[in-house]
Every structure is written in C-alpha cells, then in structure tokens.
Amino acid sequence: MLMDKEKETMLEIKAALALCTEAQRRRFLLYALEGLSYAEIAGRCRCSKAAIQDSIEAVRKKIKKFF
C-alpha cells in the first residue's frame, strides 16, 4: 500500500501528465515505463527522434513544475 507521500507524488505525476498532449503522454510512457529508446519510439510513432526528444522533455518540464 502506498504511503501518503507516495500517493501525493503519484497524484502530482498524474496531474502533470493530464496537462500533456496525447502524443507527449504516449511517448513519455513508452520511454519511462517500457524502457524504449528514442529510436524505437520514433519507429513506432512514425516520427523523428527529435520529435520524441522534444515530447519527453516537454513532459519532464511539466512534471518538474509540481516538485
């Protein structure tokens, strides 16, 4: 069972992800949870590695605002 601080952290992460576009959220989760590389995500999403990097950095910035 999650402790209060862990619950709070999860809520903050979920709130930050809610502020992201669907593409940003999908790309970030593929990277953070599934451990895919930028190249692997780019192949799945049919876009450039630079687009993947931009999306992941945008999500990271939004998450950092909560902490």
C-alpha atoms as a PDB file:
ATOM      1  CA  MET A   1       0.000   0.000   0.000  1.00  0.00           C
ATOM      2  CA  LEU A   2       1.291   3.428  -0.910  1.00  0.00           C
ATOM      3  CA  MET A   3       2.233   5.792   1.872  1.00  0.00           C
ATOM      4  CA  ASP A   4       0.794   9.306   1.939  1.00  0.00           C
ATOM      5  CA  LYS A   5       3.868  10.892   0.339  1.00  0.00           C
ATOM      6  CA  GLU A   6       3.909   8.266  -2.423  1.00  0.00           C
ATOM      7  CA  LYS A   7       0.195   8.831  -3.060  1.00  0.00           C
ATOM      8  CA  GLU A   8       0.805  12.566  -3.252  1.00  0.00           C
ATOM      9  CA  THR A   9       3.672  12.056  -5.689  1.00  0.00           C
ATOM     10  CA  MET A  10       1.560   9.798  -7.908  1.00  0.00           C
ATOM     11  CA  LEU A  11      -1.248  12.354  -7.943  1.00  0.00           C
ATOM     12  CA  GLU A  12       1.204  15.080  -8.949  1.00  0.00           C
ATOM     13  CA  ILE A  13       2.615  12.960 -11.768  1.00  0.00           C
ATOM     14  CA  LYS A  14      -0.886  12.136 -12.999  1.00  0.00           C
ATOM     15  CA  ALA A  15      -1.812  15.830 -12.882  1.00  0.00           C
ATOM     16  CA  ALA A  16       1.284  16.750 -14.885  1.00  0.00           C
ATOM     17  CA  LEU A  17       0.547  14.051 -17.463  1.00  0.00           C
ATOM     18  CA  ALA A  18      -3.014  15.354 -17.777  1.00  0.00           C
ATOM     19  CA  LEU A  19      -1.562  18.676 -18.967  1.00  0.00           C
ATOM     20  CA  CYS A  20       0.301  16.978 -21.803  1.00  0.00           C
ATOM     21  CA  THR A  21      -0.890  16.209 -25.289  1.00  0.00           C
ATOM     22  CA  GLU A  22      -1.816  12.613 -26.075  1.00  0.00           C
ATOM     23  CA  ALA A  23       1.337  12.243 -28.199  1.00  0.00           C
ATOM     24  CA  GLN A  24       3.577  13.611 -25.430  1.00  0.00           C
ATOM     25  CA  ARG A  25       1.984  11.343 -22.845  1.00  0.00           C
ATOM     26  CA  ARG A  26       2.219   8.232 -25.064  1.00  0.00           C
ATOM     27  CA  ARG A  27       5.856   8.910 -25.990  1.00  0.00           C
ATOM     28  CA  PHE A  28       6.873   9.622 -22.405  1.00  0.00           C
ATOM     29  CA  LEU A  29       5.224   6.461 -21.086  1.00  0.00           C
ATOM     30  CA  LEU A  30       6.871   4.329 -23.769  1.00  0.00           C
ATOM     31  CA  TYR A  31      10.203   5.769 -22.670  1.00  0.00           C
ATOM     32  CA  ALA A  32       9.709   5.833 -18.898  1.00  0.00           C
ATOM     33  CA  LEU A  33       7.644   2.704 -18.308  1.00  0.00           C
ATOM     34  CA  GLU A  34       8.512   0.420 -21.203  1.00  0.00           C
ATOM     35  CA  GLY A  35      12.155   1.457 -21.445  1.00  0.00           C
ATOM     36  CA  LEU A  36      12.123   2.050 -25.189  1.00  0.00           C
ATOM     37  CA  SER A  37      14.849   4.167 -26.785  1.00  0.00           C
ATOM     38  CA  TYR A  38      14.085   7.359 -28.696  1.00  0.00           C
ATOM     39  CA  ALA A  39      14.769   5.471 -31.942  1.00  0.00           C
ATOM     40  CA  GLU A  40      12.377   2.658 -31.003  1.00  0.00           C
ATOM     41  CA  ILE A  41       9.628   5.123 -30.076  1.00  0.00           C
ATOM     42  CA  ALA A  42      10.214   7.098 -33.276  1.00  0.00           C
ATOM     43  CA  GLY A  43       9.787   3.900 -35.272  1.00  0.00           C
ATOM     44  CA  ARG A  44       6.522   3.056 -33.531  1.00  0.00           C
ATOM     45  CA  CYS A  45       5.164   6.584 -33.796  1.00  0.00           C
ATOM     46  CA  ARG A  46       6.487   7.156 -37.326  1.00  0.00           C
ATOM     47  CA  CYS A  47       8.187  10.409 -36.452  1.00  0.00           C
ATOM     48  CA  SER A  48      11.734  11.691 -35.909  1.00  0.00           C
ATOM     49  CA  LYS A  49      13.902  11.053 -32.873  1.00  0.00           C
ATOM     50  CA  ALA A  50      13.987  14.834 -32.413  1.00  0.00           C
ATOM     51  CA  ALA A  51      10.178  14.874 -32.083  1.00  0.00           C
ATOM     52  CA  ILE A  52      10.411  12.148 -29.447  1.00  0.00           C
ATOM     53  CA  GLN A  53      13.080  14.047 -27.535  1.00  0.00           C
ATOM     54  CA  ASP A  54      11.003  17.245 -27.664  1.00  0.00           C
ATOM     55  CA  SER A  55       7.929  15.420 -26.346  1.00  0.00           C
ATOM     56  CA  ILE A  56       9.793  13.754 -23.496  1.00  0.00           C
ATOM     57  CA  GLU A  57      11.484  16.995 -22.488  1.00  0.00           C
ATOM     58  CA  ALA A  58       8.127  18.810 -22.509  1.00  0.00           C
ATOM     59  CA  VAL A  59       6.654  16.213 -20.159  1.00  0.00           C
ATOM     60  CA  ARG A  60       9.688  16.364 -17.872  1.00  0.00           C
ATOM     61  CA  LYS A  61       9.341  20.151 -17.606  1.00  0.00           C
ATOM     62  CA  LYS A  62       5.672  19.835 -16.683  1.00  0.00           C
ATOM     63  CA  ILE A  63       6.453  17.221 -14.048  1.00  0.00           C
ATOM     64  CA  LYS A  64       9.242  19.360 -12.563  1.00  0.00           C
ATOM     65  CA  LYS A  65       6.768  22.218 -12.024  1.00  0.00           C
ATOM     66  CA  PHE A  66       4.987  20.028  -9.455  1.00  0.00           C
ATOM     67  CA  PHE A  67       8.143  19.335  -7.451  1.00  0.00           C
END
